[in-house]
Every structure is written in structure tokens, then in C-alpha cells.
Amino acid sequence: MASSLKTQYGYSVRKEIDNLDWGELISDISGLKGDTPLGNIIRIRKEKDPEVLKKFTPEEIKIRNEWLNKSASQISEENYKQAMESIKNMFKTMAQSEVR
């Protein structure tokens, strides 16, 4: 992150940490472009276009797969149960509206 902020905004987080406003730092981080190290990783992780994905390098594929695997493994049992309950309710609602 520090190298990305230095690349895009020209300041060193380590040197400016005492002078940085938290809101501004968050804004700077969220505004990082794809040509910065962190911005590039975020771009790889978020990509969904099949045509772009076909052109990914082996390293980009590795980064994306690691992220997807990590994200998938972090779904808690409670969240899973809630999602399944929501899907079940959605189908019940659809079935009830077809009967009417």
C-alpha cells in the first residue's frame, strides 16, 4: 500500500503518518489506479470479463484464484444458513405468486 500511495500521490505514509487525516488516507487508498502495485492487485481480483480473464498471465491467474479461494472460505456457517433461508423464501414467494 505504501508504495502505491507514493507512486500515485507522491507522499510517504511512513514519513507523513503523524500528519495524515484518516478520512483522507482512506479516500486516497480507495482512489488508487490500476497502474500502482495495490491498484493492479485490486484490478486483478475484481475482473469478471471473460475476454480479459483469457488474457491474464499465470501470475495474474494465481493472484485472482488465491483471492477467490480465500473469499469463498470466509463464508461463515451462519451467513450460509441465512443465504439459504433467503433463497428458500424467494422460491416460496415465487411459487405463491404463480398460484394466484
N, C-alpha and C. Protein backbone atom coordinates (compact mmCIF):
# COMPACT_ATOMS: atom_id res chain seq x y z
N MET A 1 0.82 -1.18 0.00
CA MET A 1 0.00 0.00 0.00
C MET A 1 0.87 1.25 0.00
N ALA A 2 1.90 1.25 0.83
CA ALA A 2 2.75 2.44 0.94
C ALA A 2 3.37 2.80 -0.41
N SER A 3 3.82 1.78 -1.15
CA SER A 3 4.44 2.07 -2.45
C SER A 3 3.41 2.60 -3.45
N SER A 4 2.18 2.12 -3.35
CA SER A 4 1.12 2.61 -4.24
C SER A 4 0.79 4.06 -3.96
N LEU A 5 0.69 4.41 -2.68
CA LEU A 5 0.42 5.80 -2.32
C LEU A 5 1.56 6.71 -2.77
N LYS A 6 2.78 6.25 -2.60
CA LYS A 6 3.96 7.02 -3.04
C LYS A 6 3.93 7.20 -4.56
N THR A 7 3.62 6.11 -5.28
CA THR A 7 3.58 6.16 -6.75
C THR A 7 2.54 7.15 -7.25
N GLN A 8 1.33 7.07 -6.70
CA GLN A 8 0.24 7.89 -7.23
C GLN A 8 0.20 9.30 -6.66
N TYR A 9 0.42 9.43 -5.34
CA TYR A 9 0.23 10.73 -4.71
C TYR A 9 1.54 11.43 -4.32
N GLY A 10 2.64 10.68 -4.36
CA GLY A 10 3.94 11.28 -4.10
C GLY A 10 4.30 11.49 -2.64
N TYR A 11 3.55 10.91 -1.72
CA TYR A 11 3.93 11.05 -0.32
C TYR A 11 4.21 9.69 0.30
N SER A 12 5.04 9.71 1.32
CA SER A 12 5.40 8.50 2.05
C SER A 12 4.54 8.39 3.30
N VAL A 13 3.77 7.32 3.38
CA VAL A 13 2.91 7.11 4.55
C VAL A 13 3.76 7.05 5.80
N ARG A 14 4.89 6.40 5.71
CA ARG A 14 5.75 6.25 6.88
C ARG A 14 6.27 7.60 7.39
N LYS A 15 6.56 8.50 6.48
CA LYS A 15 7.07 9.82 6.88
C LYS A 15 5.95 10.77 7.31
N GLU A 16 4.79 10.59 6.73
CA GLU A 16 3.68 11.53 6.96
C GLU A 16 2.62 11.00 7.92
N ILE A 17 2.83 9.86 8.52
CA ILE A 17 1.80 9.21 9.33
C ILE A 17 1.21 10.13 10.40
N ASP A 18 2.03 10.95 11.03
CA ASP A 18 1.53 11.84 12.09
C ASP A 18 0.70 12.99 11.54
N ASN A 19 0.87 13.31 10.26
CA ASN A 19 0.15 14.44 9.66
C ASN A 19 -1.05 14.03 8.82
N LEU A 20 -1.26 12.72 8.67
CA LEU A 20 -2.33 12.25 7.79
C LEU A 20 -3.68 12.23 8.50
N ASP A 21 -4.68 12.68 7.79
CA ASP A 21 -6.06 12.59 8.26
C ASP A 21 -6.60 11.22 7.82
N TRP A 22 -7.22 10.48 8.74
CA TRP A 22 -7.70 9.13 8.45
C TRP A 22 -8.64 9.11 7.25
N GLY A 23 -9.59 10.02 7.19
CA GLY A 23 -10.54 10.08 6.08
C GLY A 23 -9.85 10.31 4.75
N GLU A 24 -8.86 11.19 4.75
CA GLU A 24 -8.12 11.48 3.52
C GLU A 24 -7.32 10.26 3.08
N LEU A 25 -6.71 9.57 4.05
CA LEU A 25 -5.94 8.37 3.73
C LEU A 25 -6.85 7.31 3.10
N ILE A 26 -8.00 7.09 3.69
CA ILE A 26 -8.95 6.11 3.15
C ILE A 26 -9.38 6.52 1.75
N SER A 27 -9.62 7.79 1.55
CA SER A 27 -10.00 8.29 0.24
C SER A 27 -8.88 8.05 -0.78
N ASP A 28 -7.65 8.32 -0.37
CA ASP A 28 -6.51 8.10 -1.26
C ASP A 28 -6.38 6.62 -1.62
N ILE A 29 -6.54 5.75 -0.63
CA ILE A 29 -6.42 4.31 -0.88
C ILE A 29 -7.51 3.85 -1.84
N SER A 30 -8.74 4.30 -1.62
CA SER A 30 -9.84 3.86 -2.49
C SER A 30 -9.72 4.43 -3.90
N GLY A 31 -8.94 5.48 -4.06
CA GLY A 31 -8.77 6.08 -5.38
C GLY A 31 -7.55 5.60 -6.14
N LEU A 32 -6.88 4.59 -5.62
CA LEU A 32 -5.67 4.09 -6.29
C LEU A 32 -6.01 3.54 -7.67
N LYS A 33 -5.20 3.89 -8.63
CA LYS A 33 -5.41 3.46 -10.01
C LYS A 33 -4.70 2.13 -10.26
N GLY A 34 -5.08 1.49 -11.36
CA GLY A 34 -4.54 0.17 -11.71
C GLY A 34 -3.07 0.15 -12.03
N ASP A 35 -2.46 1.33 -12.25
CA ASP A 35 -1.03 1.34 -12.57
C ASP A 35 -0.15 1.41 -11.32
N THR A 36 -0.75 1.30 -10.14
CA THR A 36 0.02 1.22 -8.89
C THR A 36 0.04 -0.24 -8.46
N PRO A 37 0.99 -0.64 -7.64
CA PRO A 37 1.05 -2.06 -7.23
C PRO A 37 -0.25 -2.57 -6.60
N LEU A 38 -0.80 -1.84 -5.63
CA LEU A 38 -2.03 -2.29 -4.97
C LEU A 38 -3.22 -2.17 -5.92
N GLY A 39 -3.26 -1.10 -6.68
CA GLY A 39 -4.34 -0.92 -7.65
C GLY A 39 -4.38 -2.05 -8.67
N ASN A 40 -3.22 -2.53 -9.07
CA ASN A 40 -3.15 -3.63 -10.02
C ASN A 40 -3.70 -4.92 -9.41
N ILE A 41 -3.37 -5.18 -8.16
CA ILE A 41 -3.88 -6.38 -7.49
C ILE A 41 -5.40 -6.30 -7.35
N ILE A 42 -5.90 -5.13 -6.99
CA ILE A 42 -7.35 -4.95 -6.87
C ILE A 42 -8.02 -5.16 -8.22
N ARG A 43 -7.41 -4.63 -9.27
CA ARG A 43 -7.95 -4.80 -10.63
C ARG A 43 -8.03 -6.29 -10.98
N ILE A 44 -6.99 -7.03 -10.67
CA ILE A 44 -6.96 -8.47 -10.96
C ILE A 44 -8.05 -9.19 -10.17
N ARG A 45 -8.17 -8.87 -8.89
CA ARG A 45 -9.15 -9.55 -8.04
C ARG A 45 -10.59 -9.29 -8.47
N LYS A 46 -10.87 -8.09 -9.00
CA LYS A 46 -12.24 -7.71 -9.33
C LYS A 46 -12.66 -8.09 -10.75
N GLU A 47 -11.72 -8.44 -11.60
CA GLU A 47 -12.03 -8.67 -13.01
C GLU A 47 -13.04 -9.79 -13.20
N LYS A 48 -14.04 -9.54 -14.04
CA LYS A 48 -15.07 -10.54 -14.31
C LYS A 48 -15.26 -10.80 -15.80
N ASP A 49 -14.73 -9.94 -16.62
CA ASP A 49 -14.90 -10.06 -18.07
C ASP A 49 -14.15 -11.30 -18.59
N PRO A 50 -14.87 -12.27 -19.15
CA PRO A 50 -14.22 -13.50 -19.62
C PRO A 50 -13.13 -13.25 -20.66
N GLU A 51 -13.33 -12.25 -21.50
CA GLU A 51 -12.32 -11.95 -22.53
C GLU A 51 -11.02 -11.42 -21.90
N VAL A 52 -11.15 -10.61 -20.87
CA VAL A 52 -9.97 -10.09 -20.16
C VAL A 52 -9.30 -11.23 -19.40
N LEU A 53 -10.13 -12.06 -18.74
CA LEU A 53 -9.58 -13.18 -17.96
C LEU A 53 -8.77 -14.14 -18.83
N LYS A 54 -9.18 -14.32 -20.09
CA LYS A 54 -8.44 -15.20 -21.00
C LYS A 54 -7.02 -14.71 -21.25
N LYS A 55 -6.82 -13.41 -21.11
CA LYS A 55 -5.51 -12.80 -21.41
C LYS A 55 -4.64 -12.66 -20.16
N PHE A 56 -5.13 -13.10 -19.01
CA PHE A 56 -4.35 -13.00 -17.78
C PHE A 56 -3.07 -13.84 -17.87
N THR A 57 -2.02 -13.31 -17.28
CA THR A 57 -0.77 -14.06 -17.18
C THR A 57 -0.92 -15.12 -16.10
N PRO A 58 -0.02 -16.11 -16.06
CA PRO A 58 -0.09 -17.10 -14.98
C PRO A 58 -0.05 -16.46 -13.59
N GLU A 59 0.73 -15.41 -13.43
CA GLU A 59 0.81 -14.73 -12.13
C GLU A 59 -0.51 -14.05 -11.78
N GLU A 60 -1.16 -13.42 -12.76
CA GLU A 60 -2.45 -12.79 -12.52
C GLU A 60 -3.51 -13.84 -12.16
N ILE A 61 -3.48 -14.96 -12.84
CA ILE A 61 -4.41 -16.06 -12.54
C ILE A 61 -4.20 -16.54 -11.11
N LYS A 62 -2.95 -16.67 -10.72
CA LYS A 62 -2.63 -17.12 -9.36
C LYS A 62 -3.18 -16.13 -8.32
N ILE A 63 -2.95 -14.85 -8.54
CA ILE A 63 -3.43 -13.81 -7.62
C ILE A 63 -4.95 -13.87 -7.51
N ARG A 64 -5.62 -13.98 -8.63
CA ARG A 64 -7.09 -14.00 -8.63
C ARG A 64 -7.63 -15.26 -7.97
N ASN A 65 -7.05 -16.40 -8.30
CA ASN A 65 -7.52 -17.66 -7.71
C ASN A 65 -7.31 -17.69 -6.19
N GLU A 66 -6.17 -17.20 -5.73
CA GLU A 66 -5.92 -17.15 -4.29
C GLU A 66 -6.97 -16.28 -3.60
N TRP A 67 -7.29 -15.16 -4.22
CA TRP A 67 -8.29 -14.26 -3.64
C TRP A 67 -9.68 -14.91 -3.62
N LEU A 68 -10.05 -15.54 -4.73
CA LEU A 68 -11.36 -16.18 -4.79
C LEU A 68 -11.47 -17.32 -3.78
N ASN A 69 -10.41 -18.10 -3.65
CA ASN A 69 -10.42 -19.21 -2.68
C ASN A 69 -10.51 -18.68 -1.26
N LYS A 70 -9.78 -17.62 -0.97
CA LYS A 70 -9.81 -17.03 0.37
C LYS A 70 -11.20 -16.46 0.66
N SER A 71 -11.75 -15.76 -0.30
CA SER A 71 -13.08 -15.17 -0.12
C SER A 71 -14.14 -16.24 0.10
N ALA A 72 -14.07 -17.31 -0.66
CA ALA A 72 -15.05 -18.39 -0.55
C ALA A 72 -14.95 -19.10 0.80
N SER A 73 -13.75 -19.23 1.31
CA SER A 73 -13.56 -19.96 2.57
C SER A 73 -13.95 -19.13 3.78
N GLN A 74 -14.21 -17.84 3.60
CA GLN A 74 -14.53 -16.97 4.72
C GLN A 74 -16.03 -16.82 4.96
N ILE A 75 -16.84 -17.56 4.23
CA ILE A 75 -18.28 -17.50 4.45
C ILE A 75 -18.58 -18.31 5.70
N SER A 76 -19.14 -17.65 6.68
CA SER A 76 -19.43 -18.33 7.94
C SER A 76 -20.64 -19.24 7.77
N GLU A 77 -20.77 -20.19 8.67
CA GLU A 77 -21.91 -21.11 8.63
C GLU A 77 -23.21 -20.33 8.81
N GLU A 78 -23.18 -19.33 9.68
CA GLU A 78 -24.38 -18.52 9.92
C GLU A 78 -24.78 -17.76 8.66
N ASN A 79 -23.81 -17.16 7.97
CA ASN A 79 -24.11 -16.44 6.72
C ASN A 79 -24.64 -17.40 5.66
N TYR A 80 -24.07 -18.60 5.61
CA TYR A 80 -24.54 -19.61 4.66
C TYR A 80 -25.99 -19.97 4.95
N LYS A 81 -26.31 -20.20 6.22
CA LYS A 81 -27.68 -20.55 6.60
C LYS A 81 -28.64 -19.42 6.25
N GLN A 82 -28.23 -18.17 6.50
CA GLN A 82 -29.08 -17.02 6.19
C GLN A 82 -29.32 -16.92 4.68
N ALA A 83 -28.27 -17.15 3.91
CA ALA A 83 -28.40 -17.09 2.45
C ALA A 83 -29.34 -18.17 1.95
N MET A 84 -29.20 -19.38 2.48
CA MET A 84 -30.06 -20.48 2.06
C MET A 84 -31.52 -20.21 2.46
N GLU A 85 -31.72 -19.63 3.62
CA GLU A 85 -33.08 -19.28 4.07
C GLU A 85 -33.68 -18.21 3.15
N SER A 86 -32.89 -17.24 2.75
CA SER A 86 -33.36 -16.19 1.84
C SER A 86 -33.74 -16.78 0.48
N ILE A 87 -32.92 -17.69 -0.01
CA ILE A 87 -33.22 -18.34 -1.30
C ILE A 87 -34.51 -19.15 -1.20
N LYS A 88 -34.65 -19.90 -0.10
CA LYS A 88 -35.86 -20.70 0.12
C LYS A 88 -37.10 -19.79 0.14
N ASN A 89 -37.00 -18.67 0.86
CA ASN A 89 -38.13 -17.74 0.94
C ASN A 89 -38.44 -17.13 -0.42
N MET A 90 -37.40 -16.86 -1.21
CA MET A 90 -37.61 -16.31 -2.53
C MET A 90 -38.41 -17.29 -3.39
N PHE A 91 -38.05 -18.58 -3.34
CA PHE A 91 -38.77 -19.58 -4.11
C PHE A 91 -40.21 -19.74 -3.61
N LYS A 92 -40.41 -19.66 -2.31
CA LYS A 92 -41.77 -19.74 -1.76
C LYS A 92 -42.62 -18.58 -2.29
N THR A 93 -42.05 -17.38 -2.27
CA THR A 93 -42.77 -16.21 -2.77
C THR A 93 -43.10 -16.35 -4.24
N MET A 94 -42.15 -16.85 -5.01
CA MET A 94 -42.39 -17.05 -6.45
C MET A 94 -43.50 -18.07 -6.67
N ALA A 95 -43.48 -19.16 -5.89
CA ALA A 95 -44.50 -20.20 -6.03
C ALA A 95 -45.87 -19.67 -5.66
N GLN A 96 -45.94 -18.87 -4.63
CA GLN A 96 -47.22 -18.30 -4.19
C GLN A 96 -47.77 -17.34 -5.22
N SER A 97 -46.91 -16.57 -5.86
CA SER A 97 -47.39 -15.61 -6.86
C SER A 97 -47.85 -16.31 -8.13
N GLU A 98 -47.34 -17.51 -8.42
CA GLU A 98 -47.77 -18.26 -9.60
C GLU A 98 -49.14 -18.87 -9.37
N VAL A 99 -49.45 -19.20 -8.13
CA VAL A 99 -50.73 -19.83 -7.81
C VAL A 99 -51.87 -18.84 -7.95
N ARG A 100 -51.63 -17.59 -7.69
CA ARG A 100 -52.68 -16.55 -7.69
C ARG A 100 -53.15 -16.22 -9.06
